[in-house]
Amino acid sequence: APLPPAAREALTSVTMARPSITGFDPKKLAAASANGTKGDPWARYEQWRYTGPFTRFQRFKGSFPGLGIATVAFGVYLAAEQAGLLGSEGGHHGDGGHHDETT
């Protein structure tokens, strides 16, 4: 038996929900949340931390901003000292030549 028009309209309004005024679609949210989140509802909000300029290498690279220049400068200093280019006193650092031990 066919349904009366009022009952048919009530069924139609229940099964066919009107679009949200805000544009929020729960089906799209569920589809986006299911992709690569492995059951963690906050995972897609955390993905920005590990992509693009926030990868592990990029974060490590910026953590020591002057390390490369300092390492090269220290290497040049060590090489100059080893070659004797720096003002030294003949390399006698520990023989006590500067101190008079007559007490």
PDB file of N, CA and C in Angstrom:
ATOM      1  N   ALA A   1       0.839  -1.176   0.000  1.00  0.00           N
ATOM      2  CA  ALA A   1       0.000   0.000   0.000  1.00  0.00           C
ATOM      3  C   ALA A   1       0.882   1.237   0.000  1.00  0.00           C
ATOM      4  N   PRO A   2       0.548   2.182  -0.841  1.00  0.00           N
ATOM      5  CA  PRO A   2       1.343   3.405  -0.901  1.00  0.00           C
ATOM      6  C   PRO A   2       1.209   4.211   0.390  1.00  0.00           C
ATOM      7  N   LEU A   3       2.260   4.909   0.720  1.00  0.00           N
ATOM      8  CA  LEU A   3       2.276   5.739   1.929  1.00  0.00           C
ATOM      9  C   LEU A   3       1.560   7.050   1.658  1.00  0.00           C
ATOM     10  N   PRO A   4       0.894   7.572   2.675  1.00  0.00           N
ATOM     11  CA  PRO A   4       0.279   8.888   2.508  1.00  0.00           C
ATOM     12  C   PRO A   4       1.372   9.947   2.312  1.00  0.00           C
ATOM     13  N   PRO A   5       1.083  11.047   1.660  1.00  0.00           N
ATOM     14  CA  PRO A   5       2.101  12.066   1.363  1.00  0.00           C
ATOM     15  C   PRO A   5       2.806  12.604   2.611  1.00  0.00           C
ATOM     16  N   ALA A   6       2.129  12.753   3.732  1.00  0.00           N
ATOM     17  CA  ALA A   6       2.760  13.286   4.950  1.00  0.00           C
ATOM     18  C   ALA A   6       3.808  12.309   5.469  1.00  0.00           C
ATOM     19  N   ALA A   7       3.503  10.998   5.435  1.00  0.00           N
ATOM     20  CA  ALA A   7       4.454   9.985   5.905  1.00  0.00           C
ATOM     21  C   ALA A   7       5.644   9.900   4.952  1.00  0.00           C
ATOM     22  N   ARG A   8       5.388   9.991   3.654  1.00  0.00           N
ATOM     23  CA  ARG A   8       6.460   9.937   2.664  1.00  0.00           C
ATOM     24  C   ARG A   8       7.401  11.144   2.839  1.00  0.00           C
ATOM     25  N   GLU A   9       6.836  12.321   3.103  1.00  0.00           N
ATOM     26  CA  GLU A   9       7.651  13.514   3.315  1.00  0.00           C
ATOM     27  C   GLU A   9       8.490  13.395   4.588  1.00  0.00           C
ATOM     28  N   ALA A  10       7.921  12.816   5.637  1.00  0.00           N
ATOM     29  CA  ALA A  10       8.660  12.625   6.889  1.00  0.00           C
ATOM     30  C   ALA A  10       9.824  11.661   6.671  1.00  0.00           C
ATOM     31  N   LEU A  11       9.605  10.584   5.918  1.00  0.00           N
ATOM     32  CA  LEU A  11      10.676   9.631   5.633  1.00  0.00           C
ATOM     33  C   LEU A  11      11.763  10.275   4.775  1.00  0.00           C
ATOM     34  N   THR A  12      11.363  11.062   3.821  1.00  0.00           N
ATOM     35  CA  THR A  12      12.322  11.706   2.937  1.00  0.00           C
ATOM     36  C   THR A  12      13.181  12.704   3.706  1.00  0.00           C
ATOM     37  N   SER A  13      12.586  13.454   4.607  1.00  0.00           N
ATOM     38  CA  SER A  13      13.352  14.443   5.359  1.00  0.00           C
ATOM     39  C   SER A  13      14.303  13.771   6.351  1.00  0.00           C
ATOM     40  N   VAL A  14      13.982  12.561   6.803  1.00  0.00           N
ATOM     41  CA  VAL A  14      14.854  11.850   7.731  1.00  0.00           C
ATOM     42  C   VAL A  14      16.031  11.242   6.982  1.00  0.00           C
ATOM     43  N   THR A  15      15.780  10.635   5.849  1.00  0.00           N
ATOM     44  CA  THR A  15      16.846   9.959   5.123  1.00  0.00           C
ATOM     45  C   THR A  15      17.690  10.928   4.304  1.00  0.00           C
ATOM     46  N   MET A  16      17.154  12.009   3.859  1.00  0.00           N
ATOM     47  CA  MET A  16      17.873  12.976   3.031  1.00  0.00           C
ATOM     48  C   MET A  16      18.103  14.239   3.860  1.00  0.00           C
ATOM     49  N   ALA A  17      19.189  14.271   4.591  1.00  0.00           N
ATOM     50  CA  ALA A  17      19.480  15.430   5.426  1.00  0.00           C
ATOM     51  C   ALA A  17      19.893  16.608   4.555  1.00  0.00           C
ATOM     52  N   ARG A  18      19.490  17.762   4.963  1.00  0.00           N
ATOM     53  CA  ARG A  18      19.854  18.974   4.241  1.00  0.00           C
ATOM     54  C   ARG A  18      21.333  19.285   4.471  1.00  0.00           C
ATOM     55  N   PRO A  19      21.987  19.913   3.510  1.00  0.00           N
ATOM     56  CA  PRO A  19      23.390  20.278   3.718  1.00  0.00           C
ATOM     57  C   PRO A  19      23.526  21.282   4.860  1.00  0.00           C
ATOM     58  N   SER A  20      24.626  21.209   5.539  1.00  0.00           N
ATOM     59  CA  SER A  20      24.876  22.086   6.673  1.00  0.00           C
ATOM     60  C   SER A  20      25.080  23.523   6.203  1.00  0.00           C
ATOM     61  N   ILE A  21      24.670  24.453   7.014  1.00  0.00           N
ATOM     62  CA  ILE A  21      24.848  25.866   6.694  1.00  0.00           C
ATOM     63  C   ILE A  21      26.340  26.209   6.684  1.00  0.00           C
ATOM     64  N   THR A  22      27.107  25.574   7.560  1.00  0.00           N
ATOM     65  CA  THR A  22      28.538  25.879   7.669  1.00  0.00           C
ATOM     66  C   THR A  22      29.370  25.197   6.597  1.00  0.00           C
ATOM     67  N   GLY A  23      28.806  24.235   5.889  1.00  0.00           N
ATOM     68  CA  GLY A  23      29.555  23.511   4.875  1.00  0.00           C
ATOM     69  C   GLY A  23      30.286  22.299   5.423  1.00  0.00           C
ATOM     70  N   PHE A  24      30.092  21.987   6.704  1.00  0.00           N
ATOM     71  CA  PHE A  24      30.752  20.840   7.316  1.00  0.00           C
ATOM     72  C   PHE A  24      30.082  19.562   6.849  1.00  0.00           C
ATOM     73  N   ASP A  25      30.869  18.631   6.344  1.00  0.00           N
ATOM     74  CA  ASP A  25      30.349  17.350   5.892  1.00  0.00           C
ATOM     75  C   ASP A  25      31.008  16.246   6.713  1.00  0.00           C
ATOM     76  N   PRO A  26      30.253  15.579   7.591  1.00  0.00           N
ATOM     77  CA  PRO A  26      30.859  14.545   8.432  1.00  0.00           C
ATOM     78  C   PRO A  26      31.408  13.368   7.627  1.00  0.00           C
ATOM     79  N   LYS A  27      30.845  13.112   6.458  1.00  0.00           N
ATOM     80  CA  LYS A  27      31.355  12.009   5.633  1.00  0.00           C
ATOM     81  C   LYS A  27      32.750  12.336   5.100  1.00  0.00           C
ATOM     82  N   LYS A  28      32.964  13.588   4.710  1.00  0.00           N
ATOM     83  CA  LYS A  28      34.292  13.996   4.252  1.00  0.00           C
ATOM     84  C   LYS A  28      35.305  13.944   5.394  1.00  0.00           C
ATOM     85  N   LEU A  29      34.872  14.325   6.584  1.00  0.00           N
ATOM     86  CA  LEU A  29      35.758  14.259   7.744  1.00  0.00           C
ATOM     87  C   LEU A  29      36.144  12.819   8.045  1.00  0.00           C
ATOM     88  N   ALA A  30      35.176  11.922   8.000  1.00  0.00           N
ATOM     89  CA  ALA A  30      35.463  10.512   8.265  1.00  0.00           C
ATOM     90  C   ALA A  30      36.402   9.941   7.207  1.00  0.00           C
ATOM     91  N   ALA A  31      36.206  10.327   5.950  1.00  0.00           N
ATOM     92  CA  ALA A  31      37.079   9.833   4.878  1.00  0.00           C
ATOM     93  C   ALA A  31      38.496  10.379   5.035  1.00  0.00           C
ATOM     94  N   ALA A  32      38.624  11.644   5.402  1.00  0.00           N
ATOM     95  CA  ALA A  32      39.949  12.236   5.576  1.00  0.00           C
ATOM     96  C   ALA A  32      40.647  11.674   6.806  1.00  0.00           C
ATOM     97  N   SER A  33      39.901  11.387   7.846  1.00  0.00           N
ATOM     98  CA  SER A  33      40.489  10.859   9.073  1.00  0.00           C
ATOM     99  C   SER A  33      40.941   9.423   8.909  1.00  0.00           C
ATOM    100  N   ALA A  34      40.321   8.691   8.008  1.00  0.00           N
ATOM    101  CA  ALA A  34      40.649   7.279   7.842  1.00  0.00           C
ATOM    102  C   ALA A  34      41.928   7.074   7.043  1.00  0.00           C
ATOM    103  N   ASN A  35      42.374   8.071   6.308  1.00  0.00           N
ATOM    104  CA  ASN A  35      43.553   7.920   5.449  1.00  0.00           C
ATOM    105  C   ASN A  35      44.839   8.101   6.243  1.00  0.00           C
ATOM    106  N   GLY A  36      45.535   7.003   6.525  1.00  0.00           N
ATOM    107  CA  GLY A  36      46.851   7.055   7.130  1.00  0.00           C
ATOM    108  C   GLY A  36      46.908   7.446   8.586  1.00  0.00           C
ATOM    109  N   THR A  37      45.820   7.447   9.306  1.00  0.00           N
ATOM    110  CA  THR A  37      45.869   7.851  10.708  1.00  0.00           C
ATOM    111  C   THR A  37      45.967   6.670  11.655  1.00  0.00           C
ATOM    112  N   LYS A  38      45.706   5.483  11.198  1.00  0.00           N
ATOM    113  CA  LYS A  38      45.813   4.257  11.993  1.00  0.00           C
ATOM    114  C   LYS A  38      45.022   4.336  13.300  1.00  0.00           C
ATOM    115  N   GLY A  39      43.869   4.936  13.265  1.00  0.00           N
ATOM    116  CA  GLY A  39      42.995   4.982  14.426  1.00  0.00           C
ATOM    117  C   GLY A  39      43.255   6.137  15.366  1.00  0.00           C
ATOM    118  N   ASP A  40      44.261   6.952  15.114  1.00  0.00           N
ATOM    119  CA  ASP A  40      44.552   8.092  15.970  1.00  0.00           C
ATOM    120  C   ASP A  40      43.803   9.308  15.432  1.00  0.00           C
ATOM    121  N   PRO A  41      42.837   9.828  16.167  1.00  0.00           N
ATOM    122  CA  PRO A  41      42.058  10.949  15.638  1.00  0.00           C
ATOM    123  C   PRO A  41      42.867  12.239  15.500  1.00  0.00           C
ATOM    124  N   TRP A  42      43.982  12.369  16.215  1.00  0.00           N
ATOM    125  CA  TRP A  42      44.783  13.583  16.139  1.00  0.00           C
ATOM    126  C   TRP A  42      45.935  13.465  15.157  1.00  0.00           C
ATOM    127  N   ALA A  43      46.118  12.317  14.545  1.00  0.00           N
ATOM    128  CA  ALA A  43      47.286  12.080  13.693  1.00  0.00           C
ATOM    129  C   ALA A  43      47.335  13.032  12.502  1.00  0.00           C
ATOM    130  N   ARG A  44      46.204  13.310  11.893  1.00  0.00           N
ATOM    131  CA  ARG A  44      46.272  14.184  10.724  1.00  0.00           C
ATOM    132  C   ARG A  44      46.575  15.623  11.116  1.00  0.00           C
ATOM    133  N   TYR A  45      46.302  15.992  12.364  1.00  0.00           N
ATOM    134  CA  TYR A  45      46.681  17.327  12.822  1.00  0.00           C
ATOM    135  C   TYR A  45      48.173  17.401  13.139  1.00  0.00           C
ATOM    136  N   GLU A  46      48.796  16.261  13.399  1.00  0.00           N
ATOM    137  CA  GLU A  46      50.216  16.211  13.728  1.00  0.00           C
ATOM    138  C   GLU A  46      51.097  16.003  12.502  1.00  0.00           C
ATOM    139  N   GLN A  47      50.533  15.698  11.341  1.00  0.00           N
ATOM    140  CA  GLN A  47      51.334  15.366  10.164  1.00  0.00           C
ATOM    141  C   GLN A  47      52.191  16.526   9.692  1.00  0.00           C
ATOM    142  N   TRP A  48      51.784  17.749   9.924  1.00  0.00           N
ATOM    143  CA  TRP A  48      52.560  18.896   9.467  1.00  0.00           C
ATOM    144  C   TRP A  48      53.923  18.941  10.137  1.00  0.00           C
ATOM    145  N   ARG A  49      54.042  18.349  11.326  1.00  0.00           N
ATOM    146  CA  ARG A  49      55.306  18.406  12.056  1.00  0.00           C
ATOM    147  C   ARG A  49      56.400  17.581  11.397  1.00  0.00           C
ATOM    148  N   TYR A  50      56.034  16.623  10.571  1.00  0.00           N
ATOM    149  CA  TYR A  50      57.004  15.678  10.025  1.00  0.00           C
ATOM    150  C   TYR A  50      57.095  15.740   8.505  1.00  0.00           C
ATOM    151  N   THR A  51      56.573  16.796   7.895  1.00  0.00           N
ATOM    152  CA  THR A  51      56.624  16.933   6.441  1.00  0.00           C
ATOM    153  C   THR A  51      57.186  18.300   6.080  1.00  0.00           C
ATOM    154  N   GLY A  52      57.669  18.433   4.866  1.00  0.00           N
ATOM    155  CA  GLY A  52      58.148  19.717   4.362  1.00  0.00           C
ATOM    156  C   GLY A  52      59.341  20.244   5.133  1.00  0.00           C
ATOM    157  N   PRO A  53      59.271  21.484   5.596  1.00  0.00           N
ATOM    158  CA  PRO A  53      60.420  22.061   6.298  1.00  0.00           C
ATOM    159  C   PRO A  53      60.583  21.543   7.724  1.00  0.00           C
ATOM    160  N   PHE A  54      59.715  20.642   8.165  1.00  0.00           N
ATOM    161  CA  PHE A  54      59.774  20.155   9.536  1.00  0.00           C
ATOM    162  C   PHE A  54      60.206  18.697   9.627  1.00  0.00           C
ATOM    163  N   THR A  55      60.918  18.187   8.604  1.00  0.00           N
ATOM    164  CA  THR A  55      61.400  16.810   8.672  1.00  0.00           C
ATOM    165  C   THR A  55      62.487  16.710   9.740  1.00  0.00           C
ATOM    166  N   ARG A  56      62.845  15.502  10.117  1.00  0.00           N
ATOM    167  CA  ARG A  56      63.846  15.298  11.166  1.00  0.00           C
ATOM    168  C   ARG A  56      65.180  15.937  10.779  1.00  0.00           C
ATOM    169  N   PHE A  57      65.588  15.770   9.513  1.00  0.00           N
ATOM    170  CA  PHE A  57      66.855  16.350   9.065  1.00  0.00           C
ATOM    171  C   PHE A  57      66.812  17.874   9.118  1.00  0.00           C
ATOM    172  N   GLN A  58      65.729  18.462   8.677  1.00  0.00           N
ATOM    173  CA  GLN A  58      65.632  19.920   8.660  1.00  0.00           C
ATOM    174  C   GLN A  58      65.659  20.492  10.077  1.00  0.00           C
ATOM    175  N   ARG A  59      64.995  19.800  11.021  1.00  0.00           N
ATOM    176  CA  ARG A  59      65.007  20.270  12.400  1.00  0.00           C
ATOM    177  C   ARG A  59      66.402  20.145  13.000  1.00  0.00           C
ATOM    178  N   PHE A  60      67.124  19.065  12.702  1.00  0.00           N
ATOM    179  CA  PHE A  60      68.468  18.873  13.238  1.00  0.00           C
ATOM    180  C   PHE A  60      69.449  19.873  12.635  1.00  0.00           C
ATOM    181  N   LYS A  61      69.274  20.145  11.350  1.00  0.00           N
ATOM    182  CA  LYS A  61      70.185  21.048  10.651  1.00  0.00           C
ATOM    183  C   LYS A  61      70.162  22.442  11.264  1.00  0.00           C
ATOM    184  N   GLY A  62      69.041  22.896  11.695  1.00  0.00           N
ATOM    185  CA  GLY A  62      68.943  24.228  12.265  1.00  0.00           C
ATOM    186  C   GLY A  62      69.226  24.301  13.750  1.00  0.00           C
ATOM    187  N   SER A  63      69.496  23.182  14.405  1.00  0.00           N
ATOM    188  CA  SER A  63      69.679  23.206  15.850  1.00  0.00           C
ATOM    189  C   SER A  63      71.060  23.701  16.266  1.00  0.00           C
ATOM    190  N   PHE A  64      72.065  23.612  15.382  1.00  0.00           N
ATOM    191  CA  PHE A  64      73.414  24.100  15.671  1.00  0.00           C
ATOM    192  C   PHE A  64      73.832  25.066  14.561  1.00  0.00           C
ATOM    193  N   PRO A  65      73.409  26.316  14.623  1.00  0.00           N
ATOM    194  CA  PRO A  65      73.581  27.207  13.484  1.00  0.00           C
ATOM    195  C   PRO A  65      75.028  27.548  13.126  1.00  0.00           C
ATOM    196  N   GLY A  66      75.976  27.562  14.057  1.00  0.00           N
ATOM    197  CA  GLY A  66      77.343  27.938  13.721  1.00  0.00           C
ATOM    198  C   GLY A  66      78.332  26.797  13.778  1.00  0.00           C
ATOM    199  N   LEU A  67      77.836  25.579  13.877  1.00  0.00           N
ATOM    200  CA  LEU A  67      78.724  24.432  14.084  1.00  0.00           C
ATOM    201  C   LEU A  67      79.659  24.204  12.902  1.00  0.00           C
ATOM    202  N   GLY A  68      79.197  24.346  11.688  1.00  0.00           N
ATOM    203  CA  GLY A  68      80.042  24.110  10.516  1.00  0.00           C
ATOM    204  C   GLY A  68      81.188  25.096  10.422  1.00  0.00           C
ATOM    205  N   ILE A  69      80.886  26.375  10.589  1.00  0.00           N
ATOM    206  CA  ILE A  69      81.919  27.405  10.515  1.00  0.00           C
ATOM    207  C   ILE A  69      82.906  27.250  11.667  1.00  0.00           C
ATOM    208  N   ALA A  70      82.412  26.954  12.856  1.00  0.00           N
ATOM    209  CA  ALA A  70      83.291  26.785  14.014  1.00  0.00           C
ATOM    210  C   ALA A  70      84.221  25.590  13.834  1.00  0.00           C
ATOM    211  N   THR A  71      83.735  24.509  13.263  1.00  0.00           N
ATOM    212  CA  THR A  71      84.565  23.324  13.041  1.00  0.00           C
ATOM    213  C   THR A  71      85.685  23.628  12.052  1.00  0.00           C
ATOM    214  N   VAL A  72      85.372  24.322  10.977  1.00  0.00           N
ATOM    215  CA  VAL A  72      86.390  24.684   9.986  1.00  0.00           C
ATOM    216  C   VAL A  72      87.418  25.633  10.606  1.00  0.00           C
ATOM    217  N   ALA A  73      86.969  26.618  11.362  1.00  0.00           N
ATOM    218  CA  ALA A  73      87.891  27.569  11.990  1.00  0.00           C
ATOM    219  C   ALA A  73      88.811  26.858  12.984  1.00  0.00           C
ATOM    220  N   PHE A  74      88.271  25.928  13.746  1.00  0.00           N
ATOM    221  CA  PHE A  74      89.087  25.181  14.705  1.00  0.00           C
ATOM    222  C   PHE A  74      90.099  24.303  13.978  1.00  0.00           C
ATOM    223  N   GLY A  75      89.708  23.706  12.872  1.00  0.00           N
ATOM    224  CA  GLY A  75      90.632  22.896  12.078  1.00  0.00           C
ATOM    225  C   GLY A  75      91.772  23.726  11.515  1.00  0.00           C
ATOM    226  N   VAL A  76      91.464  24.934  11.034  1.00  0.00           N
ATOM    227  CA  VAL A  76      92.505  25.834  10.524  1.00  0.00           C
ATOM    228  C   VAL A  76      93.449  26.232  11.657  1.00  0.00           C
ATOM    229  N   TYR A  77      92.901  26.502  12.823  1.00  0.00           N
ATOM    230  CA  TYR A  77      93.730  26.851  13.985  1.00  0.00           C
ATOM    231  C   TYR A  77      94.672  25.706  14.352  1.00  0.00           C
ATOM    232  N   LEU A  78      94.144  24.483  14.402  1.00  0.00           N
ATOM    233  CA  LEU A  78      94.986  23.331  14.741  1.00  0.00           C
ATOM    234  C   LEU A  78      96.081  23.120  13.704  1.00  0.00           C
ATOM    235  N   ALA A  79      95.753  23.279  12.429  1.00  0.00           N
ATOM    236  CA  ALA A  79      96.753  23.111  11.370  1.00  0.00           C
ATOM    237  C   ALA A  79      97.834  24.186  11.467  1.00  0.00           C
ATOM    238  N   ALA A  80      97.441  25.431  11.753  1.00  0.00           N
ATOM    239  CA  ALA A  80      98.413  26.518  11.878  1.00  0.00           C
ATOM    240  C   ALA A  80      99.310  26.302  13.086  1.00  0.00           C
ATOM    241  N   GLU A  81      98.750  25.834  14.176  1.00  0.00           N
ATOM    242  CA  GLU A  81      99.548  25.569  15.372  1.00  0.00           C
ATOM    243  C   GLU A  81     100.530  24.422  15.131  1.00  0.00           C
ATOM    244  N   GLN A  82     100.080  23.399  14.452  1.00  0.00           N
ATOM    245  CA  GLN A  82     100.937  22.247  14.158  1.00  0.00           C
ATOM    246  C   GLN A  82     102.069  22.637  13.205  1.00  0.00           C
ATOM    247  N   ALA A  83     101.791  23.528  12.276  1.00  0.00           N
ATOM    248  CA  ALA A  83     102.805  23.959  11.314  1.00  0.00           C
ATOM    249  C   ALA A  83     103.755  24.989  11.906  1.00  0.00           C
ATOM    250  N   GLY A  84     103.459  25.502  13.070  1.00  0.00           N
ATOM    251  CA  GLY A  84     104.322  26.473  13.730  1.00  0.00           C
ATOM    252  C   GLY A  84     104.112  27.883  13.249  1.00  0.00           C
ATOM    253  N   LEU A  85     102.991  28.164  12.649  1.00  0.00           N
ATOM    254  CA  LEU A  85     102.719  29.504  12.139  1.00  0.00           C
ATOM    255  C   LEU A  85     102.263  30.470  13.222  1.00  0.00           C
ATOM    256  N   LEU A  86     101.858  29.948  14.349  1.00  0.00           N
ATOM    257  CA  LEU A  86     101.409  30.812  15.442  1.00  0.00           C
ATOM    258  C   LEU A  86     102.608  31.171  16.307  1.00  0.00           C
ATOM    259  N   GLY A  87     102.571  32.318  16.948  1.00  0.00           N
ATOM    260  CA  GLY A  87     103.671  32.754  17.802  1.00  0.00           C
ATOM    261  C   GLY A  87     103.802  31.836  19.004  1.00  0.00           C
ATOM    262  N   SER A  88     104.827  30.999  19.003  1.00  0.00           N
ATOM    263  CA  SER A  88     105.040  30.094  20.126  1.00  0.00           C
ATOM    264  C   SER A  88     106.428  30.328  20.695  1.00  0.00           C
ATOM    265  N   GLU A  89     106.699  29.771  21.817  1.00  0.00           N
ATOM    266  CA  GLU A  89     107.983  29.942  22.494  1.00  0.00           C
ATOM    267  C   GLU A  89     108.860  28.720  22.289  1.00  0.00           C
ATOM    268  N   GLY A  90     108.920  28.212  21.135  1.00  0.00           N
ATOM    269  CA  GLY A  90     109.773  27.079  20.848  1.00  0.00           C
ATOM    270  C   GLY A  90     109.177  25.741  21.226  1.00  0.00           C
ATOM    271  N   GLY A  91     107.967  25.721  21.657  1.00  0.00           N
ATOM    272  CA  GLY A  91     107.316  24.463  21.983  1.00  0.00           C
ATOM    273  C   GLY A  91     107.682  23.912  23.348  1.00  0.00           C
ATOM    274  N   HIS A  92     108.323  24.684  24.211  1.00  0.00           N
ATOM    275  CA  HIS A  92     108.693  24.207  25.542  1.00  0.00           C
ATOM    276  C   HIS A  92     107.660  24.702  26.546  1.00  0.00           C
ATOM    277  N   HIS A  93     106.567  24.028  26.603  1.00  0.00           N
ATOM    278  CA  HIS A  93     105.480  24.493  27.460  1.00  0.00           C
ATOM    279  C   HIS A  93     105.603  23.980  28.884  1.00  0.00           C
ATOM    280  N   GLY A  94     106.171  22.813  29.070  1.00  0.00           N
ATOM    281  CA  GLY A  94     106.092  22.216  30.395  1.00  0.00           C
ATOM    282  C   GLY A  94     107.428  21.989  31.069  1.00  0.00           C
ATOM    283  N   ASP A  95     108.500  22.624  30.631  1.00  0.00           N
ATOM    284  CA  ASP A  95     109.795  22.331  31.236  1.00  0.00           C
ATOM    285  C   ASP A  95     110.148  23.244  32.405  1.00  0.00           C
ATOM    286  N   GLY A  96     109.318  24.181  32.750  1.00  0.00           N
ATOM    287  CA  GLY A  96     109.564  25.035  33.907  1.00  0.00           C
ATOM    288  C   GLY A  96     110.548  26.148  33.628  1.00  0.00           C
ATOM    289  N   GLY A  97     110.793  26.494  32.421  1.00  0.00           N
ATOM    290  CA  GLY A  97     111.748  27.522  32.059  1.00  0.00           C
ATOM    291  C   GLY A  97     111.333  28.915  32.478  1.00  0.00           C
ATOM    292  N   HIS A  98     110.092  29.138  32.741  1.00  0.00           N
ATOM    293  CA  HIS A  98     109.603  30.463  33.101  1.00  0.00           C
ATOM    294  C   HIS A  98     109.674  30.713  34.597  1.00  0.00           C
ATOM    295  N   HIS A  99     109.824  29.690  35.375  1.00  0.00           N
ATOM    296  CA  HIS A  99     109.740  29.834  36.825  1.00  0.00           C
ATOM    297  C   HIS A  99     111.113  29.635  37.451  1.00  0.00           C
ATOM    298  N   ASP A 100     111.411  30.455  38.382  1.00  0.00           N
ATOM    299  CA  ASP A 100     112.655  30.316  39.124  1.00  0.00           C
ATOM    300  C   ASP A 100     112.340  29.555  40.401  1.00  0.00           C
ATOM    301  N   GLU A 101     112.915  28.397  40.542  1.00  0.00           N
ATOM    302  CA  GLU A 101     112.560  27.543  41.671  1.00  0.00           C
ATOM    303  C   GLU A 101     113.639  27.570  42.751  1.00  0.00           C
ATOM    304  N   THR A 102     114.215  28.706  43.010  1.00  0.00           N
ATOM    305  CA  THR A 102     115.227  28.817  44.067  1.00  0.00           C
ATOM    306  C   THR A 102     114.592  29.424  45.302  1.00  0.00           C
ATOM    307  N   THR A 103     114.096  28.629  46.133  1.00  0.00           N
ATOM    308  CA  THR A 103     113.486  29.133  47.362  1.00  0.00           C
ATOM    309  C   THR A 103     114.180  28.636  48.581  1.00  0.00           C
TER     310      THR A 103
END
